[in-house]
PDB file of N, CA and C in Angstrom:
ATOM      1  N   MET A   1      87.899 104.042  75.695  1.00  0.00           N
ATOM      2  CA  MET A   1      86.740 103.184  75.658  1.00  0.00           C
ATOM      3  C   MET A   1      86.029 103.274  77.009  1.00  0.00           C
ATOM      4  N   ALA A   2      84.758 103.522  76.990  1.00  0.00           N
ATOM      5  CA  ALA A   2      83.976 103.684  78.210  1.00  0.00           C
ATOM      6  C   ALA A   2      83.598 102.325  78.787  1.00  0.00           C
ATOM      7  N   SER A   3      83.602 102.269  80.090  1.00  0.00           N
ATOM      8  CA  SER A   3      83.226 101.047  80.799  1.00  0.00           C
ATOM      9  C   SER A   3      81.710 100.987  80.934  1.00  0.00           C
ATOM     10  N   THR A   4      81.156  99.810  80.766  1.00  0.00           N
ATOM     11  CA  THR A   4      79.713  99.638  80.926  1.00  0.00           C
ATOM     12  C   THR A   4      79.445  98.817  82.179  1.00  0.00           C
ATOM     13  N   ASP A   5      78.183  98.829  82.603  1.00  0.00           N
ATOM     14  CA  ASP A   5      77.801  98.014  83.763  1.00  0.00           C
ATOM     15  C   ASP A   5      78.083  96.545  83.501  1.00  0.00           C
ATOM     16  N   SER A   6      77.907  96.112  82.259  1.00  0.00           N
ATOM     17  CA  SER A   6      78.155  94.714  81.898  1.00  0.00           C
ATOM     18  C   SER A   6      79.636  94.367  82.075  1.00  0.00           C
ATOM     19  N   ASP A   7      80.536  95.285  81.682  1.00  0.00           N
ATOM     20  CA  ASP A   7      81.981  95.064  81.862  1.00  0.00           C
ATOM     21  C   ASP A   7      82.316  94.927  83.339  1.00  0.00           C
ATOM     22  N   GLU A   8      81.717  95.779  84.161  1.00  0.00           N
ATOM     23  CA  GLU A   8      81.991  95.726  85.592  1.00  0.00           C
ATOM     24  C   GLU A   8      81.465  94.426  86.191  1.00  0.00           C
ATOM     25  N   ASP A   9      80.287  93.974  85.759  1.00  0.00           N
ATOM     26  CA  ASP A   9      79.748  92.699  86.235  1.00  0.00           C
ATOM     27  C   ASP A   9      80.692  91.564  85.894  1.00  0.00           C
ATOM     28  N   ASP A  10      81.269  91.570  84.691  1.00  0.00           N
ATOM     29  CA  ASP A  10      82.203  90.525  84.274  1.00  0.00           C
ATOM     30  C   ASP A  10      83.444  90.520  85.162  1.00  0.00           C
ATOM     31  N   ARG A  11      83.962  91.687  85.511  1.00  0.00           N
ATOM     32  CA  ARG A  11      85.164  91.769  86.347  1.00  0.00           C
ATOM     33  C   ARG A  11      84.888  91.320  87.773  1.00  0.00           C
ATOM     34  N   ASN A  12      83.670  91.505  88.256  1.00  0.00           N
ATOM     35  CA  ASN A  12      83.330  91.177  89.636  1.00  0.00           C
ATOM     36  C   ASN A  12      82.702  89.799  89.796  1.00  0.00           C
ATOM     37  N   SER A  13      82.485  89.099  88.700  1.00  0.00           N
ATOM     38  CA  SER A  13      81.852  87.788  88.807  1.00  0.00           C
ATOM     39  C   SER A  13      82.870  86.748  89.269  1.00  0.00           C
ATOM     40  N   ILE A  14      82.367  85.716  89.902  1.00  0.00           N
ATOM     41  CA  ILE A  14      83.203  84.626  90.382  1.00  0.00           C
ATOM     42  C   ILE A  14      83.300  83.588  89.275  1.00  0.00           C
ATOM     43  N   VAL A  15      84.522  83.227  88.943  1.00  0.00           N
ATOM     44  CA  VAL A  15      84.757  82.239  87.900  1.00  0.00           C
ATOM     45  C   VAL A  15      85.402  81.024  88.553  1.00  0.00           C
ATOM     46  N   SER A  16      84.759  79.876  88.429  1.00  0.00           N
ATOM     47  CA  SER A  16      85.320  78.675  89.039  1.00  0.00           C
ATOM     48  C   SER A  16      86.442  78.120  88.163  1.00  0.00           C
ATOM     49  N   TYR A  17      87.342  77.411  88.791  1.00  0.00           N
ATOM     50  CA  TYR A  17      88.434  76.774  88.078  1.00  0.00           C
ATOM     51  C   TYR A  17      88.872  75.543  88.857  1.00  0.00           C
ATOM     52  N   THR A  18      89.630  74.713  88.213  1.00  0.00           N
ATOM     53  CA  THR A  18      90.147  73.505  88.834  1.00  0.00           C
ATOM     54  C   THR A  18      91.659  73.564  88.785  1.00  0.00           C
ATOM     55  N   MET A  19      92.284  73.115  89.861  1.00  0.00           N
ATOM     56  CA  MET A  19      93.733  73.044  89.871  1.00  0.00           C
ATOM     57  C   MET A  19      94.143  71.761  90.575  1.00  0.00           C
ATOM     58  N   HIS A  20      95.308  71.296  90.271  1.00  0.00           N
ATOM     59  CA  HIS A  20      95.819  70.076  90.882  1.00  0.00           C
ATOM     60  C   HIS A  20      97.041  70.427  91.718  1.00  0.00           C
ATOM     61  N   VAL A  21      97.042  69.951  92.944  1.00  0.00           N
ATOM     62  CA  VAL A  21      98.196  70.114  93.823  1.00  0.00           C
ATOM     63  C   VAL A  21      98.588  68.719  94.276  1.00  0.00           C
ATOM     64  N   SER A  22      99.832  68.396  94.109  1.00  0.00           N
ATOM     65  CA  SER A  22     100.335  67.082  94.480  1.00  0.00           C
ATOM     66  C   SER A  22     100.081  66.808  95.959  1.00  0.00           C
ATOM     67  N   GLN A  23      99.722  65.576  96.272  1.00  0.00           N
ATOM     68  CA  GLN A  23      99.502  65.177  97.661  1.00  0.00           C
ATOM     69  C   GLN A  23     100.765  65.394  98.494  1.00  0.00           C
ATOM     70  N   MET A  24     101.926  65.241  97.871  1.00  0.00           N
ATOM     71  CA  MET A  24     103.189  65.473  98.567  1.00  0.00           C
ATOM     72  C   MET A  24     103.261  66.914  99.098  1.00  0.00           C
ATOM     73  N   TYR A  25     102.840  67.888  98.284  1.00  0.00           N
ATOM     74  CA  TYR A  25     102.886  69.283  98.708  1.00  0.00           C
ATOM     75  C   TYR A  25     101.812  69.583  99.751  1.00  0.00           C
ATOM     76  N   LEU A  26     100.660  68.943  99.639  1.00  0.00           N
ATOM     77  CA  LEU A  26      99.630  69.122 100.655  1.00  0.00           C
ATOM     78  C   LEU A  26     100.104  68.568 101.997  1.00  0.00           C
ATOM     79  N   ASN A  27     100.731  67.407 101.971  1.00  0.00           N
ATOM     80  CA  ASN A  27     101.272  66.819 103.205  1.00  0.00           C
ATOM     81  C   ASN A  27     102.351  67.707 103.810  1.00  0.00           C
ATOM     82  N   LEU A  28     103.223  68.240 102.969  1.00  0.00           N
ATOM     83  CA  LEU A  28     104.279  69.131 103.444  1.00  0.00           C
ATOM     84  C   LEU A  28     103.687  70.397 104.064  1.00  0.00           C
ATOM     85  N   THR A  29     102.659  70.941 103.429  1.00  0.00           N
ATOM     86  CA  THR A  29     102.000  72.134 103.961  1.00  0.00           C
ATOM     87  C   THR A  29     101.392  71.846 105.327  1.00  0.00           C
ATOM     88  N   ARG A  30     100.714  70.709 105.453  1.00  0.00           N
ATOM     89  CA  ARG A  30     100.126  70.347 106.743  1.00  0.00           C
ATOM     90  C   ARG A  30     101.205  70.167 107.813  1.00  0.00           C
ATOM     91  N   LYS A  31     102.323  69.585 107.436  1.00  0.00           N
ATOM     92  CA  LYS A  31     103.430  69.393 108.382  1.00  0.00           C
ATOM     93  C   LYS A  31     103.979  70.742 108.856  1.00  0.00           C
ATOM     94  N   LYS A  32     104.187  71.654 107.921  1.00  0.00           N
ATOM     95  CA  LYS A  32     104.700  72.982 108.271  1.00  0.00           C
ATOM     96  C   LYS A  32     103.724  73.730 109.168  1.00  0.00           C
ATOM     97  N   ILE A  33     102.442  73.631 108.843  1.00  0.00           N
ATOM     98  CA  ILE A  33     101.429  74.302 109.658  1.00  0.00           C
ATOM     99  C   ILE A  33     101.407  73.703 111.057  1.00  0.00           C
ATOM    100  N   GLY A  34     101.557  72.384 111.153  1.00  0.00           N
ATOM    101  CA  GLY A  34     101.581  71.732 112.457  1.00  0.00           C
ATOM    102  C   GLY A  34     102.757  72.161 113.304  1.00  0.00           C
ATOM    103  N   MET A  35     103.844  72.579 112.673  1.00  0.00           N
ATOM    104  CA  MET A  35     105.042  73.007 113.397  1.00  0.00           C
ATOM    105  C   MET A  35     105.048  74.510 113.688  1.00  0.00           C
ATOM    106  N   THR A  36     104.059  75.219 113.167  1.00  0.00           N
ATOM    107  CA  THR A  36     104.008  76.671 113.316  1.00  0.00           C
ATOM    108  C   THR A  36     103.651  77.068 114.739  1.00  0.00           C
ATOM    109  N   ARG A  37     104.356  78.041 115.258  1.00  0.00           N
ATOM    110  CA  ARG A  37     104.065  78.612 116.565  1.00  0.00           C
ATOM    111  C   ARG A  37     103.840  80.107 116.365  1.00  0.00           C
ATOM    112  N   LEU A  38     102.691  80.574 116.794  1.00  0.00           N
ATOM    113  CA  LEU A  38     102.354  81.981 116.622  1.00  0.00           C
ATOM    114  C   LEU A  38     102.781  82.786 117.842  1.00  0.00           C
ATOM    115  N   PRO A  39     103.206  84.016 117.629  1.00  0.00           N
ATOM    116  CA  PRO A  39     103.558  84.871 118.770  1.00  0.00           C
ATOM    117  C   PRO A  39     102.293  85.301 119.507  1.00  0.00           C
ATOM    118  N   HIS A  40     102.477  85.871 120.682  1.00  0.00           N
ATOM    119  CA  HIS A  40     101.346  86.411 121.435  1.00  0.00           C
ATOM    120  C   HIS A  40     100.698  87.522 120.618  1.00  0.00           C
ATOM    121  N   GLU A  41      99.401  87.668 120.783  1.00  0.00           N
ATOM    122  CA  GLU A  41      98.660  88.729 120.092  1.00  0.00           C
ATOM    123  C   GLU A  41      99.112  90.084 120.633  1.00  0.00           C
ATOM    124  N   LEU A  42      99.347  91.020 119.735  1.00  0.00           N
ATOM    125  CA  LEU A  42      99.685  92.379 120.151  1.00  0.00           C
ATOM    126  C   LEU A  42      98.416  93.091 120.609  1.00  0.00           C
ATOM    127  N   LEU A  43      98.524  93.854 121.651  1.00  0.00           N
ATOM    128  CA  LEU A  43      97.372  94.613 122.134  1.00  0.00           C
ATOM    129  C   LEU A  43      97.383  95.979 121.462  1.00  0.00           C
ATOM    130  N   LEU A  44      96.649  96.075 120.374  1.00  0.00           N
ATOM    131  CA  LEU A  44      96.585  97.303 119.592  1.00  0.00           C
ATOM    132  C   LEU A  44      95.138  97.766 119.494  1.00  0.00           C
ATOM    133  N   PRO A  45      94.921  99.062 119.308  1.00  0.00           N
ATOM    134  CA  PRO A  45      93.553  99.528 119.072  1.00  0.00           C
ATOM    135  C   PRO A  45      93.016  98.909 117.766  1.00  0.00           C
ATOM    136  N   GLU A  46      91.726  98.745 117.668  1.00  0.00           N
ATOM    137  CA  GLU A  46      91.087  98.087 116.519  1.00  0.00           C
ATOM    138  C   GLU A  46      91.561  98.650 115.177  1.00  0.00           C
ATOM    139  N   GLU A  47      91.698  99.960 115.085  1.00  0.00           N
ATOM    140  CA  GLU A  47      92.088 100.566 113.798  1.00  0.00           C
ATOM    141  C   GLU A  47      93.546 100.264 113.411  1.00  0.00           C
ATOM    142  N   ARG A  48      94.329  99.719 114.332  1.00  0.00           N
ATOM    143  CA  ARG A  48      95.734  99.414 114.040  1.00  0.00           C
ATOM    144  C   ARG A  48      96.040  97.924 114.093  1.00  0.00           C
ATOM    145  N   ARG A  49      95.030  97.076 114.265  1.00  0.00           N
ATOM    146  CA  ARG A  49      95.293  95.650 114.498  1.00  0.00           C
ATOM    147  C   ARG A  49      95.955  94.943 113.323  1.00  0.00           C
ATOM    148  N   TRP A  50      95.914  95.516 112.123  1.00  0.00           N
ATOM    149  CA  TRP A  50      96.553  94.912 110.948  1.00  0.00           C
ATOM    150  C   TRP A  50      97.905  95.571 110.633  1.00  0.00           C
ATOM    151  N   ASP A  51      98.345  96.495 111.440  1.00  0.00           N
ATOM    152  CA  ASP A  51      99.588  97.232 111.162  1.00  0.00           C
ATOM    153  C   ASP A  51     100.829  96.347 111.095  1.00  0.00           C
ATOM    154  N   TYR A  52     100.861  95.261 111.828  1.00  0.00           N
ATOM    155  CA  TYR A  52     102.043  94.401 111.877  1.00  0.00           C
ATOM    156  C   TYR A  52     101.790  93.039 111.224  1.00  0.00           C
ATOM    157  N   GLY A  53     100.846  93.005 110.310  1.00  0.00           N
ATOM    158  CA  GLY A  53     100.522  91.754 109.627  1.00  0.00           C
ATOM    159  C   GLY A  53      99.162  91.229 110.056  1.00  0.00           C
ATOM    160  N   THR A  54      98.907  89.997 109.704  1.00  0.00           N
ATOM    161  CA  THR A  54      97.620  89.381 110.001  1.00  0.00           C
ATOM    162  C   THR A  54      97.510  89.080 111.494  1.00  0.00           C
ATOM    163  N   PRO A  55      96.449  89.543 112.132  1.00  0.00           N
ATOM    164  CA  PRO A  55      96.282  89.278 113.559  1.00  0.00           C
ATOM    165  C   PRO A  55      96.151  87.772 113.847  1.00  0.00           C
ATOM    166  N   LYS A  56      96.638  87.372 114.989  1.00  0.00           N
ATOM    167  CA  LYS A  56      96.613  85.963 115.399  1.00  0.00           C
ATOM    168  C   LYS A  56      95.189  85.411 115.368  1.00  0.00           C
ATOM    169  N   ALA A  57      94.224  86.191 115.795  1.00  0.00           N
ATOM    170  CA  ALA A  57      92.827  85.750 115.828  1.00  0.00           C
ATOM    171  C   ALA A  57      92.301  85.432 114.429  1.00  0.00           C
ATOM    172  N   GLU A  58      92.865  86.050 113.407  1.00  0.00           N
ATOM    173  CA  GLU A  58      92.458  85.766 112.029  1.00  0.00           C
ATOM    174  C   GLU A  58      93.164  84.522 111.496  1.00  0.00           C
ATOM    175  N   LEU A  59      94.392  84.291 111.933  1.00  0.00           N
ATOM    176  CA  LEU A  59      95.187  83.159 111.444  1.00  0.00           C
ATOM    177  C   LEU A  59      94.796  81.829 112.064  1.00  0.00           C
ATOM    178  N   GLU A  60      94.431  81.839 113.326  1.00  0.00           N
ATOM    179  CA  GLU A  60      94.166  80.585 114.029  1.00  0.00           C
ATOM    180  C   GLU A  60      93.096  79.714 113.362  1.00  0.00           C
ATOM    181  N   PRO A  61      91.953  80.264 112.942  1.00  0.00           N
ATOM    182  CA  PRO A  61      90.965  79.400 112.275  1.00  0.00           C
ATOM    183  C   PRO A  61      91.488  78.814 110.955  1.00  0.00           C
ATOM    184  N   LEU A  62      92.287  79.566 110.227  1.00  0.00           N
ATOM    185  CA  LEU A  62      92.876  79.068 108.983  1.00  0.00           C
ATOM    186  C   LEU A  62      93.856  77.935 109.260  1.00  0.00           C
ATOM    187  N   ILE A  63      94.675  78.107 110.272  1.00  0.00           N
ATOM    188  CA  ILE A  63      95.625  77.059 110.666  1.00  0.00           C
ATOM    189  C   ILE A  63      94.872  75.811 111.128  1.00  0.00           C
ATOM    190  N   ASP A  64      93.814  76.007 111.914  1.00  0.00           N
ATOM    191  CA  ASP A  64      93.013  74.869 112.371  1.00  0.00           C
ATOM    192  C   ASP A  64      92.391  74.128 111.185  1.00  0.00           C
ATOM    193  N   TYR A  65      91.928  74.855 110.198  1.00  0.00           N
ATOM    194  CA  TYR A  65      91.313  74.239 109.020  1.00  0.00           C
ATOM    195  C   TYR A  65      92.308  73.344 108.287  1.00  0.00           C
ATOM    196  N   TRP A  66      93.522  73.837 108.087  1.00  0.00           N
ATOM    197  CA  TRP A  66      94.516  73.075 107.323  1.00  0.00           C
ATOM    198  C   TRP A  66      95.183  71.991 108.146  1.00  0.00           C
ATOM    199  N   HIS A  67      95.186  72.152 109.445  1.00  0.00           N
ATOM    200  CA  HIS A  67      95.833  71.167 110.313  1.00  0.00           C
ATOM    201  C   HIS A  67      94.889  70.004 110.520  1.00  0.00           C
TER     202      HIS A  67
END
């Protein structure tokens, strides 16, 4: 079966949804994030900065948001 532009649009479209997460789990997540200590940033060339996982500079804003 051949793919059409319409099929590709459907696969790439954003579909909203609702989910429920217990306040207990949100509180636990915030507590864990508050206790998290990140290692020093590795000094790697730009093309290798993701070789050992998510760079600290990318994680810090996410941690700040949830904390």
